[in-house]
Amino acid sequence: MSIEDVTPVVIDSGSSSIKPSLVGKTSDGVPELVWKSIIKTQPDIEEALLGNICLTGGNTMLTGFKERMEHELAALIPPLVFNQISVIAKDNRKFAAFIGGSVLSSLTNRWSHWTTRQEYGESGASVVHDRSL
């Protein structure tokens, strides 16, 4: 094999979550998972879900992620249904996990569900498993 036989392939990291087949995976991408989740719900709420597809998390901050998501959904969803879709990508979405965690931690009625450092030290990870299941 010579250098002339090698063809460079560029796959940006965001593409693998949209189309896992680009990196040799057979799992569904995010658009397929969204669509399959929506069609498994009650028909009377499908329209509301389609109109409120909310992107969150650090990977969705990659350039073009929202547009790629819309493009891939358009290929999956029947045209009449696709007109109802709204993909929302707020600027602060990279902080969503932190914001959600801070809101959850501020709910005083949930404190009984927390694991203290002492409990974790005494029982290890099993205390979290036992408490959450």
C-alpha atoms as a PDB file:
ATOM      1  CA  MET A   1       0.000   0.000   0.000  1.00  0.00           C
ATOM      2  CA  SER A   2       1.323   3.415  -0.858  1.00  0.00           C
ATOM      3  CA  ILE A   3       0.355   6.885   0.263  1.00  0.00           C
ATOM      4  CA  GLU A   4      -1.642   7.263  -2.976  1.00  0.00           C
ATOM      5  CA  ASP A   5      -3.852   4.320  -1.918  1.00  0.00           C
ATOM      6  CA  VAL A   6      -4.973   6.010   1.255  1.00  0.00           C
ATOM      7  CA  THR A   7      -8.056   8.169   1.154  1.00  0.00           C
ATOM      8  CA  PRO A   8      -8.548  10.501   4.072  1.00  0.00           C
ATOM      9  CA  VAL A   9     -11.948  10.302   5.705  1.00  0.00           C
ATOM     10  CA  VAL A  10     -13.160  13.050   7.966  1.00  0.00           C
ATOM     11  CA  ILE A  11     -16.009  12.312  10.349  1.00  0.00           C
ATOM     12  CA  ASP A  12     -16.806  14.957  12.893  1.00  0.00           C
ATOM     13  CA  SER A  13     -17.599  13.683  16.370  1.00  0.00           C
ATOM     14  CA  GLY A  14     -21.186  14.933  16.272  1.00  0.00           C
ATOM     15  CA  SER A  15     -21.990  12.872  13.202  1.00  0.00           C
ATOM     16  CA  SER A  16     -21.510   9.612  15.073  1.00  0.00           C
ATOM     17  CA  SER A  17     -24.396  10.400  17.414  1.00  0.00           C
ATOM     18  CA  ILE A  18     -26.609  11.370  14.473  1.00  0.00           C
ATOM     19  CA  LYS A  19     -25.546   8.469  12.225  1.00  0.00           C
ATOM     20  CA  PRO A  20     -23.660   5.754  14.154  1.00  0.00           C
ATOM     21  CA  SER A  21     -23.186   3.779  10.931  1.00  0.00           C
ATOM     22  CA  LEU A  22     -20.509   6.329   9.937  1.00  0.00           C
ATOM     23  CA  VAL A  23     -18.268   4.813  12.614  1.00  0.00           C
ATOM     24  CA  GLY A  24     -19.319   1.205  12.074  1.00  0.00           C
ATOM     25  CA  LYS A  25     -22.062   1.013  14.699  1.00  0.00           C
ATOM     26  CA  THR A  26     -25.438  -0.612  14.067  1.00  0.00           C
ATOM     27  CA  SER A  27     -27.330   1.258  16.779  1.00  0.00           C
ATOM     28  CA  ASP A  28     -29.914   3.930  16.076  1.00  0.00           C
ATOM     29  CA  GLY A  29     -28.848   7.546  15.974  1.00  0.00           C
ATOM     30  CA  VAL A  30     -30.435  10.348  17.960  1.00  0.00           C
ATOM     31  CA  PRO A  31     -33.013  11.209  15.247  1.00  0.00           C
ATOM     32  CA  GLU A  32     -34.224   7.597  15.055  1.00  0.00           C
ATOM     33  CA  LEU A  33     -34.417   7.354  18.830  1.00  0.00           C
ATOM     34  CA  VAL A  34     -36.436  10.573  19.017  1.00  0.00           C
ATOM     35  CA  TRP A  35     -38.843   9.449  16.297  1.00  0.00           C
ATOM     36  CA  LYS A  36     -39.269   5.939  17.736  1.00  0.00           C
ATOM     37  CA  SER A  37     -39.914   7.414  21.184  1.00  0.00           C
ATOM     38  CA  ILE A  38     -42.556   9.784  19.875  1.00  0.00           C
ATOM     39  CA  ILE A  39     -44.470   7.148  17.910  1.00  0.00           C
ATOM     40  CA  LYS A  40     -44.560   4.893  20.985  1.00  0.00           C
ATOM     41  CA  THR A  41     -46.522   7.513  22.934  1.00  0.00           C
ATOM     42  CA  GLN A  42     -50.241   8.095  22.957  1.00  0.00           C
ATOM     43  CA  PRO A  43     -51.351   9.528  19.601  1.00  0.00           C
ATOM     44  CA  ASP A  44     -52.981  12.553  21.220  1.00  0.00           C
ATOM     45  CA  ILE A  45     -49.640  13.860  22.531  1.00  0.00           C
ATOM     46  CA  GLU A  46     -47.499  13.139  19.459  1.00  0.00           C
ATOM     47  CA  GLU A  47     -48.085  16.601  17.994  1.00  0.00           C
ATOM     48  CA  ALA A  48     -47.029  18.320  21.225  1.00  0.00           C
ATOM     49  CA  LEU A  49     -43.874  16.205  21.380  1.00  0.00           C
ATOM     50  CA  LEU A  50     -43.022  16.852  17.732  1.00  0.00           C
ATOM     51  CA  GLY A  51     -43.337  20.577  18.354  1.00  0.00           C
ATOM     52  CA  ASN A  52     -41.013  20.492  21.359  1.00  0.00           C
ATOM     53  CA  ILE A  53     -37.931  18.448  20.528  1.00  0.00           C
ATOM     54  CA  CYS A  54     -35.442  19.987  22.914  1.00  0.00           C
ATOM     55  CA  LEU A  55     -31.713  19.471  22.412  1.00  0.00           C
ATOM     56  CA  THR A  56     -29.640  19.489  25.574  1.00  0.00           C
ATOM     57  CA  GLY A  57     -26.145  18.590  26.656  1.00  0.00           C
ATOM     58  CA  GLY A  58     -22.645  19.404  25.551  1.00  0.00           C
ATOM     59  CA  ASN A  59     -22.592  17.343  22.335  1.00  0.00           C
ATOM     60  CA  THR A  60     -25.555  19.296  20.977  1.00  0.00           C
ATOM     61  CA  MET A  61     -23.367  22.411  21.110  1.00  0.00           C
ATOM     62  CA  LEU A  62     -21.346  21.131  18.154  1.00  0.00           C
ATOM     63  CA  THR A  63     -21.653  23.373  15.111  1.00  0.00           C
ATOM     64  CA  GLY A  64     -24.563  22.354  12.918  1.00  0.00           C
ATOM     65  CA  PHE A  65     -25.981  19.740  15.305  1.00  0.00           C
ATOM     66  CA  LYS A  66     -29.465  21.277  15.356  1.00  0.00           C
ATOM     67  CA  GLU A  67     -29.580  21.630  11.570  1.00  0.00           C
ATOM     68  CA  ARG A  68     -28.306  18.085  11.070  1.00  0.00           C
ATOM     69  CA  MET A  69     -30.932  16.804  13.501  1.00  0.00           C
ATOM     70  CA  GLU A  70     -33.673  18.598  11.568  1.00  0.00           C
ATOM     71  CA  HIS A  71     -32.337  17.244   8.260  1.00  0.00           C
ATOM     72  CA  GLU A  72     -32.209  13.646   9.512  1.00  0.00           C
ATOM     73  CA  LEU A  73     -35.670  13.895  11.082  1.00  0.00           C
ATOM     74  CA  ALA A  74     -37.022  15.183   7.759  1.00  0.00           C
ATOM     75  CA  ALA A  75     -35.712  12.025   6.090  1.00  0.00           C
ATOM     76  CA  LEU A  76     -37.417   9.796   8.681  1.00  0.00           C
ATOM     77  CA  ILE A  77     -40.759  11.452   9.193  1.00  0.00           C
ATOM     78  CA  PRO A  78     -43.633  11.652   6.696  1.00  0.00           C
ATOM     79  CA  PRO A  79     -43.793  15.134   5.093  1.00  0.00           C
ATOM     80  CA  LEU A  80     -47.211  16.046   6.514  1.00  0.00           C
ATOM     81  CA  VAL A  81     -46.006  15.221  10.000  1.00  0.00           C
ATOM     82  CA  PHE A  82     -42.623  16.892   9.559  1.00  0.00           C
ATOM     83  CA  ASN A  83     -44.250  20.328   9.203  1.00  0.00           C
ATOM     84  CA  GLN A  84     -45.215  20.059  12.884  1.00  0.00           C
ATOM     85  CA  ILE A  85     -41.632  19.577  14.076  1.00  0.00           C
ATOM     86  CA  SER A  86     -39.775  22.151  16.091  1.00  0.00           C
ATOM     87  CA  VAL A  87     -36.231  21.396  17.234  1.00  0.00           C
ATOM     88  CA  ILE A  88     -35.292  23.721  20.080  1.00  0.00           C
ATOM     89  CA  ALA A  89     -31.643  24.397  20.902  1.00  0.00           C
ATOM     90  CA  LYS A  90     -31.225  27.051  23.574  1.00  0.00           C
ATOM     91  CA  ASP A  91     -27.825  28.648  24.063  1.00  0.00           C
ATOM     92  CA  ASN A  92     -27.540  27.523  27.707  1.00  0.00           C
ATOM     93  CA  ARG A  93     -28.100  23.827  26.951  1.00  0.00           C
ATOM     94  CA  LYS A  94     -24.526  22.882  27.745  1.00  0.00           C
ATOM     95  CA  PHE A  95     -25.330  23.682  31.384  1.00  0.00           C
ATOM     96  CA  ALA A  96     -28.622  21.750  31.497  1.00  0.00           C
ATOM     97  CA  ALA A  97     -27.270  18.812  33.532  1.00  0.00           C
ATOM     98  CA  PHE A  98     -25.796  21.165  36.116  1.00  0.00           C
ATOM     99  CA  ILE A  99     -28.965  23.276  36.280  1.00  0.00           C
ATOM    100  CA  GLY A 100     -31.123  20.168  36.659  1.00  0.00           C
ATOM    101  CA  GLY A 101     -28.862  18.811  39.381  1.00  0.00           C
ATOM    102  CA  SER A 102     -28.905  22.098  41.257  1.00  0.00           C
ATOM    103  CA  VAL A 103     -32.706  22.265  41.101  1.00  0.00           C
ATOM    104  CA  LEU A 104     -32.993  18.673  42.286  1.00  0.00           C
ATOM    105  CA  SER A 105     -30.562  19.248  45.133  1.00  0.00           C
ATOM    106  CA  SER A 106     -32.545  22.262  46.312  1.00  0.00           C
ATOM    107  CA  LEU A 107     -35.743  20.244  46.762  1.00  0.00           C
ATOM    108  CA  THR A 108     -35.787  19.688  50.520  1.00  0.00           C
ATOM    109  CA  ASN A 109     -38.560  17.086  50.342  1.00  0.00           C
ATOM    110  CA  ARG A 110     -36.131  14.779  48.502  1.00  0.00           C
ATOM    111  CA  TRP A 111     -33.316  14.848  51.065  1.00  0.00           C
ATOM    112  CA  SER A 112     -34.273  11.446  52.411  1.00  0.00           C
ATOM    113  CA  HIS A 113     -33.231  10.020  49.038  1.00  0.00           C
ATOM    114  CA  TRP A 114     -29.708  11.433  49.156  1.00  0.00           C
ATOM    115  CA  THR A 115     -26.713   9.323  50.084  1.00  0.00           C
ATOM    116  CA  THR A 116     -24.308  10.904  52.536  1.00  0.00           C
ATOM    117  CA  ARG A 117     -20.543  10.570  52.315  1.00  0.00           C
ATOM    118  CA  GLN A 118     -20.634   8.512  55.522  1.00  0.00           C
ATOM    119  CA  GLU A 119     -23.249   6.103  54.132  1.00  0.00           C
ATOM    120  CA  TYR A 120     -21.251   5.707  50.942  1.00  0.00           C
ATOM    121  CA  GLY A 121     -18.073   5.152  52.947  1.00  0.00           C
ATOM    122  CA  GLU A 122     -19.754   2.413  55.001  1.00  0.00           C
ATOM    123  CA  SER A 123     -21.587   0.587  52.196  1.00  0.00           C
ATOM    124  CA  GLY A 124     -19.948   1.646  48.941  1.00  0.00           C
ATOM    125  CA  ALA A 125     -21.844   1.934  45.661  1.00  0.00           C
ATOM    126  CA  SER A 126     -24.449  -0.591  46.783  1.00  0.00           C
ATOM    127  CA  VAL A 127     -26.093   2.069  48.967  1.00  0.00           C
ATOM    128  CA  VAL A 128     -26.881   4.112  45.855  1.00  0.00           C
ATOM    129  CA  HIS A 129     -28.223   1.061  44.038  1.00  0.00           C
ATOM    130  CA  ASP A 130     -30.342  -0.041  47.017  1.00  0.00           C
ATOM    131  CA  ARG A 131     -31.793   3.419  47.482  1.00  0.00           C
ATOM    132  CA  SER A 132     -32.637   4.056  43.852  1.00  0.00           C
ATOM    133  CA  LEU A 133     -34.248   0.724  43.006  1.00  0.00           C
END
